Amino acid sequence: MAGRTKEGKSKQPSNTAFKQQRLRAWQPLLTPKSVLPTFFIIGIIFAPIGGWLLWASERINELRIDYTNCDQLPNTFTDVDDYEYHMHGVKSSTIAKPQEQFNEDTRTCTVQFTVPKDLDPSVFLYYRLTNFYQNHRRYTRSFDVDQLKGKVRTASDLDGGDCSPLDIRDVGGDKRPYYPCGLIANSVFNDTIGQPVLTNPGGGSESSSVYRMTEKGIAWEADRKRFNPTEYKPDQVYPPPNWRERYGDEYSEMPKLEDDEHLMVWMRTAGLPTFRKLYMKNEQDAMKSGIYQVDIVMNYDTRSFGGTKSLVISTTSFIGGRNPVLGIAFIAVGGLCVLLGCIFAIRHFYRPRRLGDHTYLSWNQQVASGLADNSNRNIATAASTSHNHPASSMRQR
């Protein structure tokens, strides 16, 4: 009993094919006969797909009008220099320049533009911002999920959390949370964009015609599920600083965030500093050609962070909005594969390499360059020296 030792638990994996890495495996053998056709097949597939996507993108009709500095214009229509037209089948040079005017009393910018052709539904109206980094790490997490879900979150719950520094407000020792808290909600885009009005309708009518667009259904279903009716009372919270112009220093009644789809769209943060967000849409009626006016009440300051804001009207296709980058990327990859295939094919035809040629192995390359001969010569010299002087060899041992 005394000579026995207690065997410890072994950490050796069990003797199975999986744990001992004896599973069968397959490794492709990259030969010219397999690589060259692959390059050409990829090029033949990708290039036509890229051309098709580029063609579909070019058929989308879109216009963009910058109105950043409209509040510095007089109350008379002035030509706009920063604008873009992409109308399929219509040259941009033949379209009249958009115009803008500003009413200081109502802080309303009136944008006048020409739609040179009928735009088939669906027609979408966006606002576009530049140099606005919604992808900043602290900005993207600056909201409270439970608060948006409608739960009561006290000042102590939010103090120092993700919503900081717009988490709570202390007025004479009365600490209340902001509702909604955080940087995203506080910076929501708050310009008011009116309905497009056709100022020269056809059919003998002399009165203006409004192109009706809706603000309902502009948010994703997943975003709408994030907002529920709140359990807060007006005396339990404060409006965010940038909301006071609309609601005052305190709420008289709680805002219904579950119905505010503009806030929902804004709180789905963009990944790039230049982005556009949907404001209105019309999915039933065509937008007739003519001269339109849109009134925009300017509240959102973009010059403070060196950005711009624009009005965008666009149609869509099966690939979404206008985006030539996807088609160009497919064409570039397809063209590159065909080019590489041609280069490798020419190299293979003029200087073919025999499969399994051992002369290309690293040690054979050393022999060919003479490095291995020098090494062998040194080894032979050391061996002969040791043979001629066995006593010194023994002493070294």
Protein backbone atom coordinates (compact mmCIF):
# COMPACT_ATOMS: atom_id res chain seq x y z
CA MET A 1 0.00 0.00 0.00
CA ALA A 2 2.87 2.37 0.83
CA GLY A 3 4.49 1.91 -2.57
CA ARG A 4 1.42 2.81 -4.49
CA THR A 5 1.03 6.33 -5.85
CA LYS A 6 -2.25 7.94 -6.59
CA GLU A 7 -2.52 8.67 -10.28
CA GLY A 8 -3.55 12.22 -11.10
CA LYS A 9 -6.12 13.11 -13.72
CA SER A 10 -4.50 13.19 -17.13
CA LYS A 11 -4.90 16.24 -19.37
CA GLN A 12 -4.11 14.23 -22.46
CA PRO A 13 -6.93 14.48 -25.04
CA SER A 14 -8.78 11.29 -25.73
CA ASN A 15 -7.62 9.17 -28.63
CA THR A 16 -10.18 10.28 -31.20
CA ALA A 17 -9.70 11.46 -34.76
CA PHE A 18 -11.06 14.91 -33.94
CA LYS A 19 -9.06 15.58 -30.77
CA GLN A 20 -5.87 14.05 -32.15
CA GLN A 21 -6.25 15.97 -35.43
CA ARG A 22 -6.43 12.94 -37.66
CA LEU A 23 -9.48 14.06 -39.61
CA ARG A 24 -9.31 13.82 -43.34
CA ALA A 25 -8.54 17.12 -45.02
CA TRP A 26 -8.31 18.43 -48.55
CA GLN A 27 -5.94 21.12 -49.72
CA PRO A 28 -6.37 22.53 -53.23
CA LEU A 29 -3.42 22.27 -55.55
CA LEU A 30 -3.05 25.66 -57.22
CA THR A 31 -1.90 24.93 -60.75
CA PRO A 32 -2.12 27.12 -63.88
CA LYS A 33 -4.96 24.93 -65.16
CA SER A 34 -7.06 25.76 -62.07
CA VAL A 35 -5.98 29.33 -61.33
CA LEU A 36 -6.17 30.88 -64.81
CA PRO A 37 -9.78 29.78 -65.56
CA THR A 38 -10.79 31.03 -62.09
CA PHE A 39 -9.50 34.53 -62.85
CA PHE A 40 -11.30 34.66 -66.20
CA ILE A 41 -14.57 33.25 -64.78
CA ILE A 42 -14.62 35.84 -61.98
CA GLY A 43 -13.93 38.62 -64.48
CA ILE A 44 -16.62 37.40 -66.89
CA ILE A 45 -19.20 37.25 -64.08
CA PHE A 46 -18.32 40.41 -62.14
CA ALA A 47 -17.88 42.85 -65.04
CA PRO A 48 -21.42 42.39 -66.51
CA ILE A 49 -22.98 42.53 -63.04
CA GLY A 50 -21.11 45.77 -62.37
CA GLY A 51 -22.28 47.23 -65.67
CA TRP A 52 -25.87 46.25 -64.85
CA LEU A 53 -25.69 47.85 -61.39
CA LEU A 54 -24.13 51.00 -62.84
CA TRP A 55 -26.86 51.18 -65.50
CA ALA A 56 -29.57 50.79 -62.83
CA SER A 57 -27.96 53.52 -60.70
CA GLU A 58 -27.78 55.95 -63.61
CA ARG A 59 -31.51 55.54 -64.31
CA ILE A 60 -32.38 56.89 -60.85
CA ASN A 61 -33.51 60.53 -60.88
CA GLU A 62 -32.14 62.76 -58.15
CA LEU A 63 -31.64 66.42 -57.34
CA ARG A 64 -29.77 67.98 -54.44
CA ILE A 65 -29.93 71.66 -53.41
CA ASP A 66 -27.75 73.14 -50.67
CA TYR A 67 -29.56 75.67 -48.46
CA THR A 68 -26.98 76.12 -45.68
CA ASN A 69 -26.56 79.86 -46.24
CA CYS A 70 -30.12 80.61 -47.23
CA ASP A 71 -30.60 82.68 -44.05
CA GLN A 72 -28.04 85.15 -45.40
CA LEU A 73 -30.00 85.83 -48.61
CA PRO A 74 -32.48 88.66 -49.23
CA ASN A 75 -36.22 88.18 -49.62
CA THR A 76 -35.85 87.87 -53.41
CA PHE A 77 -35.03 84.75 -55.35
CA THR A 78 -31.30 84.25 -55.86
CA ASP A 79 -29.57 81.56 -57.92
CA VAL A 80 -28.02 78.65 -56.04
CA ASP A 81 -24.52 77.58 -57.01
CA ASP A 82 -24.19 74.40 -54.95
CA TYR A 83 -26.63 71.90 -56.46
CA GLU A 84 -26.66 68.65 -58.44
CA TYR A 85 -29.09 67.21 -60.99
CA HIS A 86 -29.08 63.59 -62.13
CA MET A 87 -32.08 63.18 -64.40
CA HIS A 88 -32.01 60.19 -66.73
CA GLY A 89 -32.23 61.34 -70.33
CA VAL A 90 -31.98 65.05 -69.47
CA LYS A 91 -28.77 67.07 -69.66
CA SER A 92 -28.09 68.96 -66.43
CA SER A 93 -26.92 72.00 -68.41
CA THR A 94 -30.42 72.44 -69.88
CA ILE A 95 -32.11 72.67 -66.46
CA ALA A 96 -32.58 76.09 -64.88
CA LYS A 97 -30.63 76.80 -61.71
CA PRO A 98 -32.49 76.43 -58.42
CA GLN A 99 -33.25 79.64 -56.53
CA GLU A 100 -33.67 80.53 -52.86
CA GLN A 101 -35.02 83.41 -50.81
CA PHE A 102 -35.25 84.00 -47.08
CA ASN A 103 -38.00 85.59 -44.98
CA GLU A 104 -36.44 87.00 -41.82
CA ASP A 105 -39.77 87.39 -40.00
CA THR A 106 -40.69 83.71 -40.21
CA ARG A 107 -37.14 82.40 -40.64
CA THR A 108 -38.37 80.53 -43.69
CA CYS A 109 -36.17 79.61 -46.63
CA THR A 110 -38.11 79.13 -49.85
CA VAL A 111 -36.36 76.82 -52.30
CA GLN A 112 -37.52 76.93 -55.91
CA PHE A 113 -36.39 74.25 -58.36
CA THR A 114 -37.35 72.66 -61.65
CA VAL A 115 -38.35 69.04 -62.15
CA PRO A 116 -37.69 68.56 -65.88
CA LYS A 117 -39.57 65.26 -66.23
CA ASP A 118 -42.25 63.28 -64.45
CA LEU A 119 -40.82 61.26 -61.56
CA ASP A 120 -42.50 57.90 -61.16
CA PRO A 121 -43.28 56.71 -57.64
CA SER A 122 -41.80 56.09 -55.22
CA VAL A 123 -40.46 59.62 -54.61
CA PHE A 124 -38.46 60.35 -51.46
CA LEU A 125 -37.46 63.63 -49.84
CA TYR A 126 -34.30 63.58 -47.72
CA TYR A 127 -32.17 66.06 -45.81
CA ARG A 128 -28.42 65.69 -46.25
CA LEU A 129 -25.77 66.74 -43.72
CA THR A 130 -22.00 66.90 -44.08
CA ASN A 131 -19.19 66.93 -41.51
CA PHE A 132 -21.48 65.53 -38.81
CA TYR A 133 -19.85 62.58 -37.05
CA GLN A 134 -22.69 60.45 -35.76
CA ASN A 135 -20.22 57.56 -35.65
CA HIS A 136 -18.28 58.99 -32.69
CA ARG A 137 -18.02 56.34 -29.96
CA ARG A 138 -19.46 58.45 -27.14
CA TYR A 139 -22.18 59.85 -29.37
CA THR A 140 -23.46 56.49 -30.60
CA ARG A 141 -24.00 55.19 -27.05
CA SER A 142 -25.44 58.43 -25.64
CA PHE A 143 -29.01 57.31 -24.95
CA ASP A 144 -30.87 55.14 -22.45
CA VAL A 145 -32.72 52.10 -23.78
CA ASP A 146 -35.07 51.73 -20.81
CA GLN A 147 -36.06 55.40 -20.92
CA LEU A 148 -37.01 55.10 -24.60
CA LYS A 149 -38.98 51.97 -23.74
CA GLY A 150 -41.14 54.12 -21.47
CA LYS A 151 -39.72 53.13 -18.08
CA VAL A 152 -39.16 55.70 -15.35
CA ARG A 153 -35.45 56.30 -14.91
CA THR A 154 -34.62 58.55 -11.98
CA ALA A 155 -31.82 61.07 -11.75
CA SER A 156 -29.77 58.68 -9.64
CA ASP A 157 -30.25 55.94 -12.25
CA LEU A 158 -28.95 58.12 -15.09
CA ASP A 159 -26.31 60.17 -13.27
CA GLY A 160 -22.89 59.47 -14.78
CA GLY A 161 -24.21 56.90 -17.24
CA ASP A 162 -24.15 56.71 -21.04
CA CYS A 163 -26.26 59.87 -21.39
CA SER A 164 -23.64 62.03 -19.67
CA PRO A 165 -23.23 65.01 -19.90
CA LEU A 166 -26.92 65.36 -20.86
CA ASP A 167 -28.23 62.96 -18.24
CA ILE A 168 -29.67 65.15 -15.46
CA ARG A 169 -30.31 68.84 -14.77
CA ASP A 170 -29.94 70.43 -11.35
CA VAL A 171 -32.08 73.54 -10.81
CA GLY A 172 -31.70 74.87 -7.26
CA GLY A 173 -31.08 71.39 -5.90
CA ASP A 174 -34.01 69.92 -7.83
CA LYS A 175 -32.37 67.16 -9.87
CA ARG A 176 -34.42 65.75 -12.70
CA PRO A 177 -33.42 63.62 -15.69
CA TYR A 178 -33.63 64.88 -19.24
CA TYR A 179 -36.28 63.21 -21.36
CA PRO A 180 -35.06 61.95 -23.72
CA CYS A 181 -31.53 62.02 -22.36
CA GLY A 182 -28.29 61.90 -24.31
CA LEU A 183 -26.49 63.64 -27.13
CA ILE A 184 -28.33 61.96 -29.99
CA ALA A 185 -31.79 63.14 -28.99
CA ASN A 186 -30.53 66.62 -28.11
CA SER A 187 -28.96 67.10 -31.56
CA VAL A 188 -31.95 65.88 -33.58
CA PHE A 189 -32.45 67.64 -36.91
CA ASN A 190 -35.21 70.19 -36.34
CA ASP A 191 -35.59 72.11 -39.60
CA THR A 192 -39.24 71.98 -40.69
CA ILE A 193 -39.57 71.05 -44.38
CA GLY A 194 -42.90 71.79 -46.02
CA GLN A 195 -44.73 69.98 -48.82
CA PRO A 196 -43.47 70.56 -52.39
CA VAL A 197 -45.81 72.93 -54.23
CA LEU A 198 -46.08 72.88 -58.04
CA THR A 199 -46.33 76.55 -59.00
CA ASN A 200 -47.15 76.04 -62.70
CA PRO A 201 -49.51 73.06 -62.99
CA GLY A 202 -50.68 72.08 -66.46
CA GLY A 203 -54.18 71.41 -67.70
CA GLY A 204 -55.22 75.07 -67.72
CA SER A 205 -55.15 75.34 -63.92
CA GLU A 206 -53.60 78.57 -62.65
CA SER A 207 -53.59 77.72 -58.95
CA SER A 208 -50.73 75.96 -57.22
CA SER A 209 -50.84 72.24 -56.71
CA VAL A 210 -49.40 70.53 -53.63
CA TYR A 211 -47.53 67.28 -54.10
CA ARG A 212 -48.61 65.43 -50.97
CA MET A 213 -45.91 63.52 -49.14
CA THR A 214 -46.27 61.68 -45.84
CA GLU A 215 -44.04 61.54 -42.79
CA LYS A 216 -45.57 58.25 -41.66
CA GLY A 217 -43.75 55.02 -42.32
CA ILE A 218 -40.33 56.63 -42.79
CA ALA A 219 -38.76 54.74 -39.85
CA TRP A 220 -37.80 51.09 -39.84
CA GLU A 221 -40.07 48.69 -38.01
CA ALA A 222 -37.16 47.70 -35.75
CA ASP A 223 -36.69 51.36 -34.76
CA ARG A 224 -40.37 51.87 -33.99
CA LYS A 225 -40.25 48.96 -31.55
CA ARG A 226 -37.60 50.79 -29.51
CA PHE A 227 -40.06 53.53 -28.47
CA ASN A 228 -43.01 53.08 -26.11
CA PRO A 229 -45.34 55.52 -24.30
CA THR A 230 -43.57 56.97 -21.29
CA GLU A 231 -44.56 56.60 -17.65
CA TYR A 232 -43.01 59.98 -16.76
CA LYS A 233 -45.10 62.92 -15.59
CA PRO A 234 -44.28 66.44 -16.87
CA ASP A 235 -42.98 67.54 -13.45
CA GLN A 236 -40.51 64.64 -13.26
CA VAL A 237 -38.25 65.55 -16.20
CA TYR A 238 -36.77 68.44 -18.17
CA PRO A 239 -36.62 68.84 -21.96
CA PRO A 240 -33.13 68.60 -23.51
CA PRO A 241 -31.49 72.02 -24.07
CA ASN A 242 -32.16 72.08 -27.82
CA TRP A 243 -35.82 71.13 -27.29
CA ARG A 244 -36.68 74.16 -25.15
CA GLU A 245 -37.48 76.35 -28.14
CA ARG A 246 -40.28 73.95 -29.00
CA TYR A 247 -41.46 72.82 -25.55
CA GLY A 248 -40.25 75.55 -23.22
CA ASP A 249 -38.17 75.19 -20.08
CA GLU A 250 -40.54 72.51 -18.78
CA TYR A 251 -43.02 70.15 -20.37
CA SER A 252 -46.69 71.07 -20.12
CA GLU A 253 -47.47 67.60 -21.44
CA MET A 254 -45.16 64.74 -22.29
CA PRO A 255 -44.03 64.41 -25.92
CA LYS A 256 -45.14 61.24 -27.68
CA LEU A 257 -41.82 59.85 -28.82
CA GLU A 258 -43.50 56.65 -29.96
CA ASP A 259 -45.12 58.69 -32.76
CA ASP A 260 -42.09 60.84 -33.64
CA GLU A 261 -40.63 58.98 -36.61
CA HIS A 262 -38.22 61.83 -37.39
CA LEU A 263 -36.55 61.17 -34.03
CA MET A 264 -36.51 57.43 -34.76
CA VAL A 265 -34.79 58.02 -38.11
CA TRP A 266 -32.27 60.39 -36.50
CA MET A 267 -31.41 57.97 -33.70
CA ARG A 268 -30.32 55.30 -36.19
CA THR A 269 -26.85 56.80 -36.36
CA ALA A 270 -24.98 57.09 -39.66
CA GLY A 271 -21.62 55.45 -40.23
CA LEU A 272 -20.06 58.28 -42.26
CA PRO A 273 -19.82 62.05 -41.67
CA THR A 274 -21.78 62.76 -44.88
CA PHE A 275 -25.21 61.18 -44.80
CA ARG A 276 -28.83 61.66 -45.73
CA LYS A 277 -31.95 60.75 -43.78
CA LEU A 278 -35.50 60.29 -45.00
CA TYR A 279 -37.94 63.08 -44.17
CA MET A 280 -41.03 62.40 -46.34
CA LYS A 281 -42.13 60.11 -49.13
CA ASN A 282 -44.88 59.47 -51.68
CA GLU A 283 -45.24 55.90 -52.90
CA GLN A 284 -48.44 56.28 -54.93
CA ASP A 285 -48.36 59.41 -57.09
CA ALA A 286 -45.94 60.57 -59.76
CA MET A 287 -44.24 63.93 -59.27
CA LYS A 288 -45.24 65.93 -62.35
CA SER A 289 -42.70 68.02 -64.19
CA GLY A 290 -42.69 71.75 -63.50
CA ILE A 291 -41.39 74.40 -61.09
CA TYR A 292 -41.73 73.54 -57.42
CA GLN A 293 -41.30 75.47 -54.19
CA VAL A 294 -40.48 74.07 -50.75
CA ASP A 295 -40.64 76.18 -47.58
CA ILE A 296 -38.08 75.28 -44.91
CA VAL A 297 -38.17 76.81 -41.43
CA MET A 298 -34.49 77.05 -40.51
CA ASN A 299 -33.70 76.02 -36.95
CA TYR A 300 -30.70 73.71 -37.36
CA ASP A 301 -27.28 75.36 -37.27
CA THR A 302 -24.70 73.44 -39.32
CA ARG A 303 -22.16 76.24 -39.67
CA SER A 304 -21.21 75.84 -35.99
CA PHE A 305 -19.49 72.53 -36.80
CA GLY A 306 -18.41 73.44 -40.34
CA GLY A 307 -21.08 71.36 -42.05
CA THR A 308 -23.72 71.89 -44.70
CA LYS A 309 -27.34 70.88 -45.16
CA SER A 310 -29.15 70.10 -48.37
CA LEU A 311 -32.57 69.17 -49.68
CA VAL A 312 -32.61 65.94 -51.72
CA ILE A 313 -35.45 64.56 -53.86
CA SER A 314 -34.85 61.13 -55.33
CA THR A 315 -36.45 58.07 -56.84
CA THR A 316 -35.26 54.50 -56.25
CA SER A 317 -34.75 51.23 -58.09
CA PHE A 318 -34.25 47.59 -57.10
CA ILE A 319 -30.77 48.52 -55.75
CA GLY A 320 -32.13 51.36 -53.61
CA GLY A 321 -31.00 54.96 -54.06
CA ARG A 322 -28.45 56.27 -56.51
CA ASN A 323 -25.07 54.72 -55.73
CA PRO A 324 -22.63 54.15 -58.60
CA VAL A 325 -19.88 52.92 -56.24
CA LEU A 326 -21.23 49.35 -56.12
CA GLY A 327 -21.26 48.99 -59.90
CA ILE A 328 -17.82 50.57 -60.25
CA ALA A 329 -16.43 48.17 -57.62
CA PHE A 330 -17.78 45.12 -59.48
CA ILE A 331 -16.36 46.37 -62.79
CA ALA A 332 -12.97 47.12 -61.20
CA VAL A 333 -12.72 43.65 -59.62
CA GLY A 334 -13.81 41.95 -62.83
CA GLY A 335 -11.37 43.95 -64.94
CA LEU A 336 -8.51 43.33 -62.50
CA CYS A 337 -9.14 39.58 -62.55
CA VAL A 338 -9.14 39.48 -66.36
CA LEU A 339 -5.93 41.54 -66.46
CA LEU A 340 -4.17 39.29 -63.95
CA GLY A 341 -5.40 36.24 -65.83
CA CYS A 342 -3.90 37.55 -69.08
CA ILE A 343 -0.57 38.39 -67.42
CA PHE A 344 -0.29 34.98 -65.76
CA ALA A 345 -1.34 33.18 -68.95
CA ILE A 346 1.34 34.95 -71.01
CA ARG A 347 3.92 34.18 -68.33
CA HIS A 348 2.87 30.52 -68.30
CA PHE A 349 2.95 30.11 -72.09
CA TYR A 350 6.35 31.74 -72.57
CA ARG A 351 8.13 30.40 -69.48
CA PRO A 352 6.18 27.41 -68.18
CA ARG A 353 7.14 25.83 -64.90
CA ARG A 354 7.11 22.05 -64.60
CA LEU A 355 4.97 20.78 -61.72
CA GLY A 356 6.94 19.11 -58.95
CA ASP A 357 10.26 20.65 -59.98
CA HIS A 358 12.49 20.34 -56.89
CA THR A 359 14.93 22.97 -58.10
CA TYR A 360 12.56 25.64 -56.80
CA LEU A 361 12.85 24.41 -53.20
CA SER A 362 14.64 26.76 -50.80
CA TRP A 363 17.62 24.50 -50.09
CA ASN A 364 18.14 23.83 -53.78
CA GLN A 365 18.18 27.56 -54.36
CA GLN A 366 21.02 27.82 -51.84
CA VAL A 367 22.97 25.13 -53.68
CA ALA A 368 22.50 26.93 -56.96
CA SER A 369 23.78 30.19 -55.50
CA GLY A 370 26.87 28.59 -53.89
CA LEU A 371 25.82 29.18 -50.31
CA ALA A 372 25.47 25.50 -49.58
CA ASP A 373 28.98 24.73 -50.98
CA ASN A 374 30.60 27.16 -48.54
CA SER A 375 28.67 25.63 -45.67
CA ASN A 376 29.70 22.10 -46.68
CA ARG A 377 33.33 23.22 -47.06
CA ASN A 378 33.37 24.63 -43.53
CA ILE A 379 31.87 21.42 -42.14
CA ALA A 380 34.48 19.31 -43.95
CA THR A 381 37.34 21.48 -42.64
CA ALA A 382 36.10 21.19 -39.06
CA ALA A 383 35.77 17.42 -39.41
CA SER A 384 39.36 17.02 -40.74
CA THR A 385 40.80 19.16 -37.96
CA SER A 386 39.09 17.06 -35.35
CA HIS A 387 40.41 13.86 -36.96
CA ASN A 388 44.07 15.07 -37.03
CA HIS A 389 44.07 16.23 -33.37
CA PRO A 390 42.13 13.70 -31.35
CA ALA A 391 43.67 14.80 -28.05
CA SER A 392 42.39 18.33 -28.35
CA SER A 393 39.03 16.92 -29.35
CA MET A 394 38.98 14.84 -26.19
CA ARG A 395 39.91 17.84 -24.05
CA GLN A 396 37.03 19.79 -25.57
CA ARG A 397 34.71 17.00 -24.61
